[in-house]
N, C-alpha and C. Protein backbone atom coordinates (compact mmCIF):
# COMPACT_ATOMS: atom_id res chain seq x y z
N MET A 1 163.19 148.60 140.43
CA MET A 1 163.20 150.00 140.79
C MET A 1 164.58 150.56 140.50
N LYS A 2 164.63 151.84 140.23
CA LYS A 2 165.90 152.50 139.95
C LYS A 2 166.42 153.17 141.22
N ILE A 3 167.65 152.81 141.60
CA ILE A 3 168.32 153.44 142.73
C ILE A 3 169.77 153.73 142.33
N VAL A 4 170.51 154.38 143.20
CA VAL A 4 171.92 154.66 142.96
C VAL A 4 172.71 153.93 144.03
N ILE A 5 173.65 153.08 143.60
CA ILE A 5 174.49 152.33 144.53
C ILE A 5 175.92 152.78 144.34
N ASN A 6 176.51 153.31 145.40
CA ASN A 6 177.89 153.80 145.35
C ASN A 6 178.13 154.71 144.14
N GLY A 7 177.16 155.59 143.89
CA GLY A 7 177.29 156.58 142.83
C GLY A 7 176.91 156.11 141.44
N GLU A 8 176.51 154.84 141.29
CA GLU A 8 176.16 154.32 139.98
C GLU A 8 174.68 153.96 139.91
N PRO A 9 173.95 154.49 138.92
CA PRO A 9 172.53 154.14 138.77
C PRO A 9 172.37 152.65 138.48
N ARG A 10 171.40 152.01 139.12
CA ARG A 10 171.15 150.58 138.91
C ARG A 10 169.66 150.31 138.94
N GLU A 11 169.25 149.32 138.21
CA GLU A 11 167.88 148.80 138.25
C GLU A 11 167.94 147.52 139.08
N VAL A 12 167.17 147.45 140.16
CA VAL A 12 167.21 146.30 141.06
C VAL A 12 165.81 145.78 141.33
N ASN A 13 165.75 144.54 141.79
CA ASN A 13 164.48 143.92 142.18
C ASN A 13 164.26 143.99 143.68
N ALA A 14 165.31 144.20 144.44
CA ALA A 14 165.25 144.20 145.91
C ALA A 14 164.28 145.25 146.43
N GLU A 15 163.57 144.89 147.50
CA GLU A 15 162.67 145.83 148.15
C GLU A 15 163.23 146.33 149.47
N THR A 16 164.20 145.61 150.04
CA THR A 16 164.81 146.04 151.29
C THR A 16 166.32 146.13 151.11
N LEU A 17 166.97 146.81 152.05
CA LEU A 17 168.42 146.93 151.99
C LEU A 17 169.08 145.57 152.10
N GLY A 18 168.57 144.71 152.96
CA GLY A 18 169.13 143.37 153.09
C GLY A 18 169.06 142.59 151.79
N GLU A 19 167.92 142.67 151.10
CA GLU A 19 167.77 142.00 149.81
C GLU A 19 168.72 142.59 148.77
N LEU A 20 168.91 143.90 148.83
CA LEU A 20 169.81 144.56 147.89
C LEU A 20 171.24 144.06 148.05
N LEU A 21 171.70 143.92 149.28
CA LEU A 21 173.07 143.44 149.51
C LEU A 21 173.25 142.05 148.92
N ALA A 22 172.25 141.18 149.10
CA ALA A 22 172.32 139.83 148.54
C ALA A 22 172.27 139.87 147.01
N GLU A 23 171.36 140.67 146.46
CA GLU A 23 171.21 140.76 145.00
C GLU A 23 172.49 141.25 144.33
N CYS A 24 173.18 142.18 144.98
CA CYS A 24 174.40 142.76 144.40
C CYS A 24 175.67 142.06 144.87
N CYS A 25 175.50 140.93 145.56
CA CYS A 25 176.62 140.08 145.99
C CYS A 25 177.59 140.78 146.94
N PHE A 26 177.09 141.68 147.78
CA PHE A 26 177.93 142.23 148.83
C PHE A 26 177.93 141.23 149.97
N SER A 27 179.11 140.84 150.41
CA SER A 27 179.18 139.87 151.50
C SER A 27 180.21 140.32 152.52
N GLY A 28 180.22 139.66 153.65
CA GLY A 28 181.15 140.02 154.71
C GLY A 28 180.68 141.25 155.45
N ARG A 29 181.59 141.85 156.17
CA ARG A 29 181.26 143.02 156.98
C ARG A 29 181.30 144.28 156.11
N VAL A 30 180.16 144.95 156.04
CA VAL A 30 180.07 146.20 155.29
C VAL A 30 179.30 147.21 156.13
N ALA A 31 179.53 148.47 155.86
CA ALA A 31 178.74 149.56 156.44
C ALA A 31 177.79 150.06 155.36
N THR A 32 176.57 150.42 155.76
CA THR A 32 175.59 150.86 154.79
C THR A 32 174.95 152.19 155.19
N ALA A 33 174.61 152.96 154.18
CA ALA A 33 173.87 154.21 154.38
C ALA A 33 172.87 154.34 153.24
N VAL A 34 171.70 154.86 153.56
CA VAL A 34 170.68 155.15 152.56
C VAL A 34 170.34 156.63 152.68
N ASN A 35 170.48 157.33 151.56
CA ASN A 35 170.24 158.77 151.53
C ASN A 35 171.04 159.49 152.63
N GLU A 36 172.29 159.08 152.76
CA GLU A 36 173.27 159.68 153.68
C GLU A 36 172.97 159.44 155.15
N GLU A 37 172.11 158.45 155.47
CA GLU A 37 171.84 158.09 156.86
C GLU A 37 172.28 156.65 157.09
N PHE A 38 173.14 156.46 158.10
CA PHE A 38 173.67 155.15 158.44
C PHE A 38 172.53 154.19 158.77
N VAL A 39 172.64 152.96 158.25
CA VAL A 39 171.68 151.90 158.57
C VAL A 39 172.45 150.75 159.19
N PRO A 40 172.26 150.47 160.49
CA PRO A 40 172.98 149.38 161.14
C PRO A 40 172.58 148.02 160.56
N SER A 41 173.48 147.06 160.66
CA SER A 41 173.23 145.74 160.07
C SER A 41 171.96 145.09 160.61
N SER A 42 171.62 145.34 161.86
CA SER A 42 170.42 144.73 162.45
C SER A 42 169.12 145.26 161.84
N LEU A 43 169.16 146.40 161.16
CA LEU A 43 167.96 146.99 160.59
C LEU A 43 167.86 146.83 159.07
N ARG A 44 168.88 146.27 158.45
CA ARG A 44 168.89 146.18 156.98
C ARG A 44 167.76 145.34 156.42
N ILE A 45 167.44 144.24 157.09
CA ILE A 45 166.41 143.33 156.57
C ILE A 45 165.04 144.01 156.50
N ALA A 46 164.79 144.99 157.37
CA ALA A 46 163.50 145.65 157.41
C ALA A 46 163.51 147.03 156.75
N HIS A 47 164.69 147.52 156.36
CA HIS A 47 164.78 148.87 155.79
C HIS A 47 164.29 148.85 154.34
N LYS A 48 163.11 149.42 154.11
CA LYS A 48 162.50 149.46 152.77
C LYS A 48 163.22 150.47 151.89
N LEU A 49 163.42 150.10 150.64
CA LEU A 49 164.01 151.00 149.65
C LEU A 49 162.90 151.64 148.83
N ALA A 50 163.19 152.82 148.29
CA ALA A 50 162.23 153.53 147.45
C ALA A 50 162.93 153.98 146.17
N GLU A 51 162.15 154.18 145.14
CA GLU A 51 162.66 154.67 143.86
C GLU A 51 163.53 155.91 144.09
N GLY A 52 164.74 155.90 143.53
CA GLY A 52 165.63 157.05 143.62
C GLY A 52 166.52 157.09 144.85
N ASP A 53 166.38 156.12 145.75
CA ASP A 53 167.25 156.11 146.94
C ASP A 53 168.72 156.06 146.53
N ARG A 54 169.55 156.67 147.36
CA ARG A 54 171.00 156.64 147.17
C ARG A 54 171.60 155.76 148.27
N VAL A 55 172.18 154.65 147.86
CA VAL A 55 172.72 153.66 148.80
C VAL A 55 174.24 153.66 148.70
N GLU A 56 174.89 153.70 149.84
CA GLU A 56 176.34 153.58 149.91
C GLU A 56 176.68 152.32 150.68
N VAL A 57 177.57 151.51 150.12
CA VAL A 57 178.04 150.29 150.77
C VAL A 57 179.55 150.37 150.82
N VAL A 58 180.11 150.29 152.03
CA VAL A 58 181.55 150.44 152.22
C VAL A 58 182.07 149.24 153.00
N ALA A 59 183.14 148.63 152.49
CA ALA A 59 183.77 147.51 153.17
C ALA A 59 185.07 147.99 153.82
N PRO A 60 185.35 147.52 155.04
CA PRO A 60 186.61 147.93 155.69
C PRO A 60 187.80 147.35 154.93
N MET A 61 188.90 148.08 154.95
CA MET A 61 190.12 147.64 154.27
C MET A 61 191.22 147.47 155.30
N GLN A 62 192.02 146.44 155.11
CA GLN A 62 193.16 146.23 155.98
C GLN A 62 194.40 146.80 155.32
N GLY A 63 195.36 147.10 156.13
CA GLY A 63 196.60 147.62 155.58
C GLY A 63 197.19 148.65 156.51
N GLY A 64 198.23 149.25 156.07
CA GLY A 64 198.83 150.21 156.97
C GLY A 64 199.71 151.20 156.30
């Protein structure tokens, strides 16, 4: 299916947000949103993706 991840169009096999994170090798602590709505980590495994969804994945950065 075609979706947009962090502003870039991608073709993916994942059907859920959890599968998408694994497929795209996102690891560690990240924040996720689908179509501008926050998705908590506990709901990612069940959050179904649809053609054209816009997914944002953000990792916290350390520094000062």
